[in-house]
Amino acid sequence: MELILILEHRRTLREDCWRQIKI
């Protein structure tokens, strides 16, 4: 269960990074 949360959190961080780069 924790692994899933960590994976989702990492995925969100990656999306945030990509958004910042695009901006």
N, C-alpha and C. Protein backbone atom coordinates (compact mmCIF):
# COMPACT_ATOMS: atom_id res chain seq x y z
N MET A 1 0.86 -1.20 0.00
CA MET A 1 0.00 0.00 0.00
C MET A 1 0.89 1.25 0.00
N GLU A 2 1.89 1.28 0.85
CA GLU A 2 2.77 2.45 0.90
C GLU A 2 3.47 2.67 -0.44
N LEU A 3 3.87 1.57 -1.07
CA LEU A 3 4.57 1.70 -2.37
C LEU A 3 3.69 2.45 -3.36
N ILE A 4 2.42 2.12 -3.39
CA ILE A 4 1.51 2.79 -4.34
C ILE A 4 1.49 4.29 -4.05
N LEU A 5 1.39 4.65 -2.79
CA LEU A 5 1.34 6.08 -2.45
C LEU A 5 2.63 6.76 -2.89
N ILE A 6 3.75 6.11 -2.64
CA ILE A 6 5.04 6.70 -3.03
C ILE A 6 5.09 6.87 -4.54
N LEU A 7 4.67 5.85 -5.27
CA LEU A 7 4.70 5.94 -6.74
C LEU A 7 3.83 7.10 -7.19
N GLU A 8 2.65 7.23 -6.62
CA GLU A 8 1.75 8.33 -7.03
C GLU A 8 2.40 9.67 -6.70
N HIS A 9 3.01 9.75 -5.53
CA HIS A 9 3.64 11.02 -5.14
C HIS A 9 4.75 11.36 -6.13
N ARG A 10 5.57 10.37 -6.45
CA ARG A 10 6.67 10.63 -7.40
C ARG A 10 6.09 11.05 -8.75
N ARG A 11 5.03 10.40 -9.15
CA ARG A 11 4.42 10.75 -10.44
C ARG A 11 3.96 12.22 -10.41
N THR A 12 3.36 12.62 -9.32
CA THR A 12 2.89 14.01 -9.21
C THR A 12 4.09 14.96 -9.28
N LEU A 13 5.16 14.62 -8.58
CA LEU A 13 6.34 15.50 -8.60
C LEU A 13 6.85 15.62 -10.03
N ARG A 14 6.88 14.51 -10.75
CA ARG A 14 7.38 14.55 -12.13
C ARG A 14 6.48 15.46 -12.96
N GLU A 15 5.20 15.33 -12.81
CA GLU A 15 4.27 16.18 -13.60
C GLU A 15 4.53 17.65 -13.26
N ASP A 16 4.73 17.94 -11.98
CA ASP A 16 4.99 19.33 -11.57
C ASP A 16 6.26 19.83 -12.25
N CYS A 17 7.31 19.00 -12.23
CA CYS A 17 8.58 19.40 -12.87
C CYS A 17 8.35 19.68 -14.34
N TRP A 18 7.66 18.78 -15.01
CA TRP A 18 7.39 18.97 -16.45
C TRP A 18 6.62 20.27 -16.68
N ARG A 19 5.65 20.52 -15.82
CA ARG A 19 4.85 21.75 -15.99
C ARG A 19 5.76 22.97 -15.84
N GLN A 20 6.62 22.95 -14.85
CA GLN A 20 7.52 24.10 -14.63
C GLN A 20 8.41 24.27 -15.86
N ILE A 21 8.92 23.17 -16.39
CA ILE A 21 9.82 23.26 -17.56
C ILE A 21 9.04 23.84 -18.75
N LYS A 22 7.81 23.36 -18.95
CA LYS A 22 7.00 23.86 -20.07
C LYS A 22 6.77 25.36 -19.91
N ILE A 23 6.49 25.78 -18.69
CA ILE A 23 6.22 27.21 -18.47
C ILE A 23 7.53 27.98 -18.70
